[in-house]
Protein backbone atom coordinates (compact mmCIF):
# COMPACT_ATOMS: atom_id res chain seq x y z
CA MET A 1 72.38 56.85 -13.25
CA LEU A 2 73.96 57.06 -10.13
CA LEU A 3 73.31 53.10 -9.48
CA ARG A 4 75.18 52.55 -13.11
CA ALA A 5 78.12 54.33 -12.22
CA ALA A 6 78.24 52.57 -8.87
CA ALA A 7 77.76 49.27 -10.15
CA ARG A 8 80.72 49.62 -12.74
CA GLN A 9 83.23 50.35 -9.87
CA VAL A 10 82.56 46.90 -7.72
CA HIS A 11 85.10 46.50 -5.17
CA GLY A 12 85.67 43.28 -3.12
CA ASP A 13 84.06 44.60 0.43
CA TRP A 14 82.99 47.74 2.17
CA HIS A 15 86.54 48.50 3.61
CA GLU A 16 87.94 48.10 0.04
CA ALA A 17 85.11 50.99 -1.34
CA VAL A 18 86.01 53.30 1.64
CA ALA A 19 89.37 52.89 0.84
CA SER A 20 89.05 53.66 -2.89
CA HIS A 21 86.97 56.89 -1.93
CA HIS A 22 89.64 58.21 0.28
CA ALA A 23 92.54 57.71 -2.13
CA HIS A 24 90.58 59.31 -4.87
CA ALA A 25 89.22 62.37 -2.52
CA ARG A 26 92.65 62.82 -1.30
CA SER A 27 94.35 62.84 -4.38
CA ARG A 28 92.47 65.22 -6.52
CA PRO A 29 91.63 68.27 -4.39
CA GLY A 30 92.37 71.90 -5.83
CA PRO A 31 92.80 75.20 -4.35
CA SER A 32 89.75 77.34 -3.96
CA LYS A 33 88.31 79.87 -6.62
CA GLY A 34 88.31 82.67 -4.29
CA PRO A 35 91.01 85.19 -3.88
CA ALA A 36 93.96 84.02 -2.14
CA TRP A 37 94.23 86.85 0.01
CA LEU A 38 90.74 86.31 1.83
CA PRO A 39 91.19 84.18 4.48
CA LEU A 40 89.24 81.19 4.86
CA GLY A 41 87.82 82.40 8.45
CA LEU A 42 86.94 85.89 6.89
CA CYS A 43 85.04 84.09 3.98
CA LEU A 44 82.89 81.95 6.47
CA PHE A 45 82.20 85.23 8.47
CA LEU A 46 80.93 87.20 5.10
CA LEU A 47 79.10 84.12 3.88
CA SER A 48 77.23 83.81 7.57
CA ALA A 49 76.92 87.78 7.45
CA GLY A 50 75.21 87.24 4.28
CA MET A 51 73.08 84.32 4.93
CA MET A 52 71.46 86.52 8.31
CA LEU A 53 71.14 89.57 6.29
CA ILE A 54 69.17 87.73 3.33
CA TRP A 55 67.02 85.57 6.17
CA ALA A 56 66.43 89.18 8.29
CA ALA A 57 65.20 90.96 5.23
CA SER A 58 62.76 88.23 4.02
CA TYR A 59 61.60 87.70 7.77
CA ALA A 60 61.12 91.81 8.04
CA LEU A 61 59.47 91.79 4.58
CA GLY A 62 57.05 89.24 5.85
CA HIS A 63 56.04 90.73 8.92
CA ALA A 64 55.36 93.97 7.04
CA ILE A 65 52.74 92.25 4.64
CA ALA A 66 51.48 89.93 7.56
CA ARG A 67 49.89 93.04 9.17
CA SER A 68 47.54 93.45 6.27
CA THR A 69 46.74 89.84 5.31
CA SER A 70 44.02 87.84 7.13
CA TYR A 71 46.26 84.77 7.52
CA PRO A 72 49.52 86.40 8.89
CA GLY A 73 50.81 82.97 10.26
CA LEU A 74 50.83 81.63 7.24
CA VAL A 75 52.35 84.46 5.43
CA LEU A 76 55.10 85.01 8.17
CA ALA A 77 55.80 81.30 7.89
CA ALA A 78 56.30 81.33 4.20
CA PHE A 79 58.62 84.31 4.08
CA HIS A 80 60.54 82.53 6.76
CA LEU A 81 60.93 79.68 4.67
CA ILE A 82 61.78 81.82 1.43
CA GLY A 83 64.49 83.77 3.56
CA LEU A 84 66.02 80.38 4.62
CA GLY A 85 65.72 79.23 1.11
CA LEU A 86 67.39 82.18 -0.46
CA ALA A 87 70.15 81.99 2.46
CA PHE A 88 71.07 78.57 1.56
CA GLY A 89 71.16 78.98 -2.13
CA LEU A 90 73.44 81.97 -1.54
CA MET A 91 75.80 79.21 0.46
CA VAL A 92 75.66 76.68 -2.57
CA ALA A 93 76.43 79.09 -4.99
CA THR A 94 79.43 79.88 -3.12
CA ARG A 95 80.65 77.17 -1.96
CA ARG A 96 83.31 76.88 -4.87
CA TYR A 97 84.66 80.32 -3.58
CA ILE A 98 85.12 79.02 -0.34
CA ALA A 99 86.08 75.29 -0.08
CA ALA A 100 88.50 73.21 -2.13
CA THR A 101 87.28 72.41 -5.36
CA ARG A 102 87.98 69.30 -7.48
CA ALA A 103 90.92 69.45 -10.39
């Protein structure tokens, strides 16, 4: 599907394609969907704090469970990855509330 979409918009050379992309990207941004009273820096801080909290809770839960298993390193690594996945999932879920969106 991606190749078909790219094949429909054939440009002369690489520079034309980049210029067309930049013109499109600059022409269509809209405001973020987050509250206007919340500054961008605070949004990023809250997102970072939330991600760290989710990861730390998952890591602490992994430590608690790893004590009672025969493979503590494997359990701790699994919970570490689960925490990172959940934290980055939060980042993806909230991206429209922080960054500018397409109209």
